[in-house]
Structure formats: structure tokens, C-alpha cells
Protein backbone atom coordinates (compact mmCIF):
# COMPACT_ATOMS: atom_id res chain seq x y z
CA MET A 1 20.15 -27.39 132.01
CA GLU A 2 16.81 -28.51 133.31
CA PRO A 3 15.69 -32.01 132.59
CA LYS A 4 12.40 -30.73 131.06
CA LYS A 5 14.33 -28.60 128.40
CA ILE A 6 16.57 -31.53 127.65
CA ALA A 7 13.56 -33.78 126.96
CA LEU A 8 12.01 -31.19 124.55
CA LEU A 9 15.31 -30.82 122.58
CA ALA A 10 15.67 -34.62 122.35
CA GLY A 11 12.07 -34.98 121.05
CA ALA A 12 12.54 -32.23 118.47
CA LEU A 13 15.67 -33.87 117.21
CA ILE A 14 14.04 -37.21 116.88
CA ILE A 15 11.07 -35.68 114.93
CA ALA A 16 13.39 -33.91 112.53
CA VAL A 17 15.48 -37.10 111.79
CA ALA A 18 12.20 -39.04 111.16
CA THR A 19 10.99 -36.30 108.82
CA ALA A 20 14.13 -36.32 106.81
CA PHE A 21 13.96 -40.07 106.34
CA LEU A 22 10.35 -39.92 105.26
CA ALA A 23 11.17 -37.10 102.73
CA ARG A 24 13.95 -39.10 101.41
CA SER A 25 11.81 -42.17 100.87
CA MET A 26 9.05 -40.22 99.10
CA PHE A 27 11.49 -38.52 96.57
CA ALA A 28 13.18 -41.93 95.95
CA SER A 29 9.82 -43.68 95.23
CA ASP A 30 8.84 -40.92 92.68
CA GLY A 31 12.01 -41.40 90.61
CA ALA A 32 12.10 -45.25 90.53
CA VAL A 33 9.36 -47.88 89.80
CA SER A 34 9.06 -50.64 92.25
CA PRO A 35 9.61 -54.22 91.10
CA GLN A 36 5.85 -54.97 91.86
CA ALA A 37 4.73 -51.99 89.73
CA ALA A 38 7.07 -52.96 86.92
CA ALA A 39 5.69 -56.47 86.99
CA ALA A 40 2.08 -55.21 86.95
CA ALA A 41 2.74 -52.84 83.91
CA PRO A 42 1.51 -54.57 80.67
CA ASN A 43 4.04 -55.29 77.94
CA PRO A 44 3.20 -53.52 74.69
CA VAL A 45 4.09 -56.79 72.76
CA ASP A 46 1.31 -58.68 74.71
CA MET A 47 -1.30 -55.93 74.27
CA PRO A 48 -3.88 -56.24 71.54
CA HIS A 49 -3.17 -54.09 68.48
CA VAL A 50 -6.07 -51.89 67.25
CA LEU A 51 -6.43 -49.97 64.02
CA VAL A 52 -6.17 -46.19 64.69
CA ALA A 53 -6.28 -43.08 62.36
CA THR A 54 -2.95 -41.60 61.60
CA LYS A 55 -4.73 -38.29 60.62
CA ALA A 56 -8.09 -36.72 60.93
CA LEU A 57 -10.59 -38.51 58.54
CA PRO A 58 -13.58 -36.24 57.73
CA VAL A 59 -16.88 -37.72 56.51
CA GLY A 60 -16.50 -38.78 52.79
CA THR A 61 -12.84 -39.34 52.71
CA ILE A 62 -11.56 -42.20 50.64
CA VAL A 63 -8.88 -43.76 52.89
CA GLY A 64 -5.57 -45.11 51.74
CA PRO A 65 -2.85 -47.17 53.36
CA ASP A 66 -1.32 -44.08 54.89
CA ALA A 67 -4.52 -43.15 56.84
CA TYR A 68 -4.29 -45.84 59.52
CA ARG A 69 -1.96 -48.18 61.34
CA PHE A 70 -2.16 -50.77 64.12
CA GLN A 71 -1.25 -49.63 67.55
CA PRO A 72 -1.05 -51.33 71.10
CA TRP A 73 -4.21 -50.65 73.01
CA PRO A 74 -5.21 -51.54 76.62
CA LYS A 75 -7.00 -54.84 76.62
CA GLU A 76 -9.82 -53.56 79.02
CA LEU A 77 -10.55 -50.71 76.57
CA VAL A 78 -10.92 -52.75 73.49
CA GLU A 79 -14.43 -52.77 72.03
CA ASN A 80 -16.07 -55.28 69.63
CA ALA A 81 -16.38 -52.70 66.87
CA TYR A 82 -12.55 -52.08 66.70
CA PHE A 83 -10.36 -53.59 63.95
CA LEU A 84 -7.85 -55.91 65.54
CA GLU A 85 -4.60 -56.89 63.82
CA SER A 86 -5.20 -60.59 64.51
CA GLY A 87 -8.34 -60.66 62.35
CA THR A 88 -8.03 -57.73 59.89
CA ASP A 89 -6.50 -57.51 56.40
CA ALA A 90 -5.50 -53.83 56.30
CA ASN A 91 -5.13 -53.96 52.47
CA GLN A 92 -8.91 -54.67 52.12
CA LEU A 93 -9.71 -51.45 53.86
CA ALA A 94 -7.88 -49.27 51.30
CA GLY A 95 -10.54 -47.37 49.26
CA SER A 96 -13.15 -47.45 51.87
CA VAL A 97 -15.05 -44.29 52.60
CA VAL A 98 -15.44 -42.64 56.03
CA ARG A 99 -19.01 -42.53 57.14
CA THR A 100 -18.49 -41.03 60.56
CA ALA A 101 -15.54 -38.60 61.27
CA VAL A 102 -12.58 -40.18 63.04
CA SER A 103 -9.94 -37.92 64.95
CA ALA A 104 -6.24 -38.50 64.56
CA GLY A 105 -5.06 -41.26 67.04
CA GLN A 106 -8.51 -42.64 67.70
CA PRO A 107 -9.60 -46.15 66.88
CA VAL A 108 -11.31 -46.71 63.54
CA THR A 109 -14.62 -48.60 64.09
CA GLN A 110 -16.28 -50.99 61.71
CA GLY A 111 -19.25 -48.69 61.55
CA SER A 112 -17.09 -45.60 60.57
CA LEU A 113 -16.19 -47.11 57.28
CA ILE A 114 -18.14 -48.25 54.15
CA ARG A 115 -16.14 -50.65 51.89
CA PRO A 116 -16.38 -50.67 48.12
CA GLY A 117 -19.34 -52.64 47.01
CA ASP A 118 -21.42 -51.90 50.00
CA ARG A 119 -24.83 -50.28 49.61
CA GLY A 120 -24.61 -46.53 49.77
CA PHE A 121 -20.81 -46.47 49.21
CA LEU A 122 -20.99 -43.86 46.40
CA ALA A 123 -23.45 -41.61 48.33
CA ALA A 124 -21.14 -41.66 51.43
CA ALA A 125 -18.13 -40.73 49.18
CA LEU A 126 -19.78 -37.49 48.03
CA GLY A 127 -19.22 -34.26 49.88
CA PRO A 128 -22.22 -32.17 51.10
CA GLY A 129 -23.92 -30.61 48.19
CA MET A 130 -21.99 -32.50 45.57
CA ARG A 131 -23.11 -34.76 42.73
CA ALA A 132 -21.70 -37.89 40.95
CA VAL A 133 -21.55 -37.67 37.17
CA THR A 134 -20.35 -40.48 34.86
CA VAL A 135 -18.32 -39.45 31.71
CA PRO A 136 -17.69 -42.06 28.93
CA VAL A 137 -13.99 -42.24 27.94
CA SER A 138 -11.57 -44.32 25.97
CA MET A 139 -7.98 -45.47 26.46
CA ASN A 140 -6.70 -42.54 24.49
CA SER A 141 -8.87 -39.98 26.40
CA SER A 142 -8.24 -41.36 29.95
CA VAL A 143 -4.37 -41.30 30.21
CA ALA A 144 -4.13 -44.89 29.13
CA GLY A 145 -6.00 -46.20 32.16
CA PHE A 146 -3.54 -44.63 34.73
CA ILE A 147 -6.37 -42.71 36.47
CA PHE A 148 -7.62 -44.30 39.67
CA PRO A 149 -10.34 -43.45 42.25
CA GLY A 150 -9.30 -40.68 44.45
CA ASP A 151 -7.07 -38.91 41.76
CA ARG A 152 -7.69 -35.39 40.62
CA ILE A 153 -8.28 -34.55 36.89
CA ASP A 154 -9.13 -31.72 34.53
CA LEU A 155 -11.96 -32.12 31.91
CA MET A 156 -11.29 -31.09 28.33
CA LEU A 157 -13.78 -30.72 25.47
CA THR A 158 -12.61 -31.02 21.89
CA GLN A 159 -14.97 -29.96 19.04
CA SER A 160 -15.13 -28.68 15.46
CA VAL A 161 -16.96 -25.43 15.11
CA ALA A 162 -18.60 -24.98 11.72
CA GLY A 163 -17.81 -21.61 10.02
CA GLY A 164 -18.72 -19.55 7.12
CA GLY A 165 -16.44 -18.36 4.24
CA ASP A 166 -14.67 -21.37 2.86
CA GLY A 167 -16.57 -23.70 5.20
CA VAL A 168 -13.54 -25.11 6.99
CA PRO A 169 -14.39 -25.75 10.57
CA LEU A 170 -12.44 -24.45 13.44
CA LYS A 171 -10.61 -26.98 15.55
CA VAL A 172 -10.67 -26.07 19.19
CA SER A 173 -10.07 -27.77 22.57
CA GLU A 174 -10.72 -26.11 25.96
CA THR A 175 -10.42 -27.06 29.59
CA ILE A 176 -13.94 -26.67 30.93
CA LEU A 177 -13.63 -27.93 34.53
CA LYS A 178 -10.56 -28.42 36.81
CA ASN A 179 -9.59 -30.33 39.92
CA LEU A 180 -12.45 -32.91 39.83
CA ARG A 181 -12.13 -35.85 42.19
CA VAL A 182 -12.55 -39.33 40.59
CA LEU A 183 -14.92 -41.47 42.58
CA ALA A 184 -14.96 -44.68 40.31
CA THR A 185 -13.63 -46.08 37.06
CA ASP A 186 -16.50 -48.15 35.57
CA GLN A 187 -17.91 -49.85 38.64
CA ARG A 188 -14.65 -50.04 40.49
CA THR A 189 -14.43 -47.66 43.54
CA ASN A 190 -11.11 -49.20 44.56
CA ALA A 191 -8.27 -49.90 42.09
CA VAL A 192 -6.04 -51.72 44.79
CA GLY A 193 -5.30 -55.39 44.30
CA THR A 194 -4.84 -58.07 46.88
CA ASP A 195 -1.12 -57.09 47.20
CA GLY A 196 -2.09 -53.54 48.13
CA GLN A 197 -0.86 -52.04 44.82
CA PRO A 198 -3.02 -50.32 42.17
CA VAL A 199 -4.14 -52.59 39.34
CA ILE A 200 -4.10 -50.95 35.91
CA GLN A 201 -6.91 -52.21 33.57
CA PRO A 202 -8.98 -50.53 30.82
CA TYR A 203 -12.27 -48.94 31.62
CA SER A 204 -14.88 -47.02 29.54
CA ASN A 205 -16.54 -44.76 32.14
CA VAL A 206 -15.24 -42.53 34.80
CA THR A 207 -17.48 -41.15 37.60
CA VAL A 208 -16.41 -37.80 39.04
CA GLU A 209 -17.53 -35.47 42.01
CA VAL A 210 -18.99 -32.20 40.84
CA THR A 211 -21.37 -29.41 41.90
CA PRO A 212 -24.87 -29.29 40.40
CA PRO A 213 -23.98 -26.52 37.81
CA MET A 214 -20.82 -28.53 36.83
CA ALA A 215 -23.11 -31.63 36.28
CA GLU A 216 -25.12 -29.56 33.78
CA LYS A 217 -22.10 -28.46 31.88
CA ILE A 218 -20.86 -31.94 31.47
CA SER A 219 -24.16 -33.20 30.30
CA VAL A 220 -24.21 -30.41 27.61
CA ALA A 221 -20.49 -30.92 26.75
CA GLN A 222 -21.10 -34.62 25.89
CA THR A 223 -23.44 -33.53 23.16
CA ILE A 224 -21.04 -30.91 21.70
CA GLY A 225 -17.81 -32.93 21.21
CA ALA A 226 -15.40 -35.40 22.62
CA ILE A 227 -14.35 -35.28 26.33
CA SER A 228 -10.88 -36.19 27.41
CA LEU A 229 -9.25 -36.35 30.83
CA SER A 230 -5.89 -34.87 31.99
CA LEU A 231 -4.32 -36.14 35.31
CA ARG A 232 -3.32 -33.45 37.80
CA SER A 233 -0.23 -33.50 40.02
CA ILE A 234 -0.73 -33.80 43.78
CA ALA A 235 1.06 -30.62 44.42
CA ASP A 236 -0.55 -28.61 41.49
CA ASN A 237 -2.39 -25.94 43.58
CA GLY A 238 0.06 -23.03 43.62
CA GLN A 239 -1.46 -21.01 40.77
CA GLU A 240 -5.10 -21.78 41.99
CA LEU A 241 -4.19 -20.53 45.51
CA GLU A 242 -2.86 -17.21 44.18
CA GLU A 243 -5.92 -16.75 41.97
CA ALA A 244 -8.35 -17.51 44.81
CA LEU A 245 -6.51 -15.14 47.22
CA ALA A 246 -6.57 -12.39 44.58
CA SER A 247 -10.18 -12.80 43.76
CA GLY A 248 -11.31 -12.84 47.40
CA GLU A 249 -12.80 -16.40 47.19
CA ILE A 250 -10.77 -17.36 50.18
CA ASP A 251 -9.26 -15.41 53.02
CA ALA A 252 -5.60 -15.71 53.94
CA PRO A 253 -4.98 -16.75 57.51
CA LYS A 254 -3.09 -14.81 60.03
CA ALA A 255 0.69 -14.89 59.90
CA GLY A 256 2.01 -17.79 61.98
CA ASP A 257 -1.37 -19.59 62.21
CA ALA A 258 -0.09 -22.94 60.77
CA LYS A 259 -3.37 -24.80 61.55
CA ALA A 260 -5.43 -22.29 59.64
CA GLU A 261 -2.96 -22.38 56.69
CA LYS A 262 -3.15 -26.13 56.52
CA LYS A 263 -6.94 -26.06 56.56
CA MET A 264 -6.95 -23.40 53.75
CA LEU A 265 -4.78 -25.52 51.51
CA ALA A 266 -6.74 -28.62 52.21
CA THR A 267 -9.89 -26.85 51.32
CA LEU A 268 -8.35 -25.54 48.15
CA ALA A 269 -7.08 -28.98 47.20
CA ALA A 270 -10.60 -30.50 47.51
CA ARG A 271 -12.45 -27.77 45.56
CA PRO A 272 -13.50 -28.34 41.92
CA MET A 273 -13.19 -25.31 39.72
CA ASP A 274 -15.13 -24.11 36.57
CA ARG A 275 -13.79 -20.66 36.20
CA ARG A 276 -11.11 -19.17 33.90
CA SER A 277 -10.96 -22.05 31.52
CA THR A 278 -8.19 -22.29 28.98
CA TYR A 279 -8.43 -23.20 25.34
CA SER A 280 -6.27 -23.81 22.23
CA THR A 281 -7.37 -23.48 18.61
CA GLY A 282 -5.90 -25.00 15.43
CA ALA A 283 -3.75 -21.93 14.88
CA ASP A 284 -1.94 -22.69 18.24
CA VAL A 285 -0.85 -26.08 16.89
CA SER A 286 -0.24 -25.45 13.11
CA ARG A 287 0.16 -22.37 11.09
CA TYR A 288 -2.05 -23.89 8.44
CA GLN A 289 -5.12 -23.77 10.78
CA ARG A 290 -7.19 -20.78 11.65
CA SER A 291 -7.69 -19.15 15.15
CA SER A 292 -11.29 -18.01 14.61
CA VAL A 293 -14.39 -18.72 12.50
CA PRO A 294 -14.69 -16.27 9.58
CA GLY A 295 -18.08 -14.68 9.00
CA LYS A 296 -20.04 -15.93 6.02
CA PRO A 297 -20.53 -13.10 3.46
CA GLU A 298 -24.15 -12.42 2.50
CA ASP A 299 -25.18 -12.78 -1.17
CA PRO A 300 -24.83 -9.31 -2.81
CA GLY A 301 -28.13 -9.89 -4.58
CA VAL A 302 -29.87 -10.54 -1.14
CA VAL A 303 -28.23 -7.36 0.23
CA ALA A 304 -29.40 -5.22 -2.67
CA ALA A 305 -32.88 -6.62 -2.23
CA LYS A 306 -33.01 -5.68 1.49
CA ILE A 307 -31.73 -2.18 0.69
CA ALA A 308 -34.31 -1.67 -1.96
CA ALA A 309 -37.03 -2.91 0.29
CA GLY A 310 -35.88 -0.59 3.09
CA GLY A 311 -35.02 -3.54 5.39
CA GLY A 312 -32.12 -3.69 7.90
CA LEU A 313 -28.77 -5.05 6.87
CA GLY A 314 -28.13 -6.88 10.14
CA ASN A 315 -24.33 -7.42 10.62
CA VAL A 316 -23.44 -6.75 6.93
CA PRO A 317 -20.82 -3.89 6.73
CA VAL A 318 -22.02 -0.94 4.60
CA VAL A 319 -20.69 2.19 3.11
CA HIS A 320 -22.62 5.49 2.97
CA ILE A 321 -22.02 7.37 -0.19
CA ALA A 322 -23.11 11.07 -0.29
CA ARG A 323 -23.65 12.82 -3.58
CA GLY A 324 -24.75 16.26 -2.85
CA VAL A 325 -27.72 16.06 -0.62
CA GLN A 326 -28.41 12.40 -1.66
CA VAL A 327 -26.92 9.62 0.51
CA THR A 328 -26.73 6.04 -0.84
CA THR A 329 -26.08 3.00 1.39
CA VAL A 330 -24.13 0.24 -0.35
CA ALA A 331 -23.23 -3.03 1.22
CA VAL A 332 -19.49 -4.01 1.17
CA GLY A 333 -18.85 -6.64 -1.51
CA SER A 334 -21.98 -5.79 -3.62
CA LYS A 335 -21.91 -4.36 -7.12
């Protein structure tokens, strides 16, 4: 073989061997971290712990202990507005209101929360287009003080309706509004104590979040009778969902769209309702009570005078008596 060809084959062999070694080194470096890189990587224990949101926090949300947690964060990315674990009491943040929306997993800044007692706290807690209305209550009408800010309640009106006949009034109670969010009890917007647990204490007023028409209804209801509260279950939205879907108030999401379904349920859970109110009368409680107000019979003498004068009889039942071609109108109950 010629020397030139031998030199070319030897050169090709050397290049192939070098390429194989380089490729092996590259793949090995991808799968293992060098001691220098491992030493340079920060230890999560030594990193500052920043308060982050565990779920999306829209504007107006009253946050609880499950809405945030402390998480390691790169030191060079820490801002002065962040809540650091070293100088923050997380229990003191429960009951705060979100002023600017925070995405899940993002740091909660000091400017994004308004704490109870701060100016503008109640206005920030209200949703767009909503109003805050205060309702006077007692221990008996407020579930013995076990209603806290952030709970959902129904509003009931109890009254005595004056009737005719024997004059005995009709006893009736009706649920006039449903699924109202409690904003405050007296002037407490946060019922959590220093240990992070709710503190039960009596109060005489409850502030709820309602729409403007609902605020008008509550104002009138306070002049009619006694108002009482009933506490709703956290998972008490099944029937309301079926009624809202049947009436077309909300649209069902496409099958398999879990995100849209979750959004629909969250919207329904946060929506106060004033339709399809329920009621109970005295007859529903006792057989010795009535279910309606009887009409008051009109004085027979007054009825006869109206007939003689040719006036109308209003709602008084009458009987027409025909004698030949002569027709006489007689009120029922008159002589």
C-alpha cells in the first residue's frame, strides 16, 4: 500500500477515536453534576423563606391560613415588599383582604393585602357592584355567636300578619335572601385570635355583602318584623346549581373542561340569591295555627246600603236572585 494512503487511514482513525472520547465526555457531564457545581448550588435551608399564595387570590378575597405558605426563594430575587418568615407572624395575616390579585405560587406583597382595622378595609372586601349592609341581631338570632367573617348565611324574616275575622294574626317566617357573605360582626372583620383559632364572643350587629336591590329589601324587612340568620354549609350549593342551570342563569361548561367547571362552581358559591324564597306559616308548625289570613266579612248593613245606593260591592261575594224578569243582588251573609 502506498505511504500516502496509509497516512490518510491513520489520520481518520485518530479523528474517530478523539470524537468518540469527546462524545462520551459530553454525555457523562449531562448526567452528573460536577463537585464545583454542586458546591455552588444554594441549599434550600439557607435560602430566605418568602410568603407565597397557595391558590389564586382575586381582588376582594378574605384570606385564611390555607391561602398562603412560606417557601424558599432565591436571595437575589427577594424584594423589600415580600413577607419574610423571619419577621412575619402569619397568624396576623388571616382575615386580610386582597387589594391586588395574586396568582398561585407567586409572592404575596405587603401592598397586595389590607389588614383588618386599616382604612378602606371594608371597601376593599366588597366585590364589584356590591354593597355592605348592617343587620341588628341577638344571640338567639345569630346562631349563638358561631357566625364569623367569611361565612355564608341565609336571612330570615319573621312577622305577624294582622288578619280579619277573629282578629288572630298569622304567624309566618320566610327566607328572603340566601348565600350572603358575612363581612364583619360588630366592628370585627377578623375573628381569629392570637393563636390562629376563631374566638367566639357575642355581637349585636352583622355586616353582609349584598347587591343594591338586596340592600333595599333588608332595609324594608327591618321595619316589618324580626330578622334572624341561619348558617350555611360550605358544600351547600348542589340544589342552587341545578336551579341555575335549569333557569339558564349560568351555562354548563363543555364536558371534560375541569377548569371551566371549577370556575362555574366558584362563581355560584360566591353569588348571593334573592329568588325562590321559602316560607313557613303557623299551620306548618302546629295544627292549632292557621295557614292564611281570613278575609274580614263586611257589615251586612253597610252592604245593604251600598246595594240600595247602587254602589259597587268590591270583593264581597254576592248572589243574584231572579224572580221572573226581576233580578235582585244580595250579599252573602246579609239578611
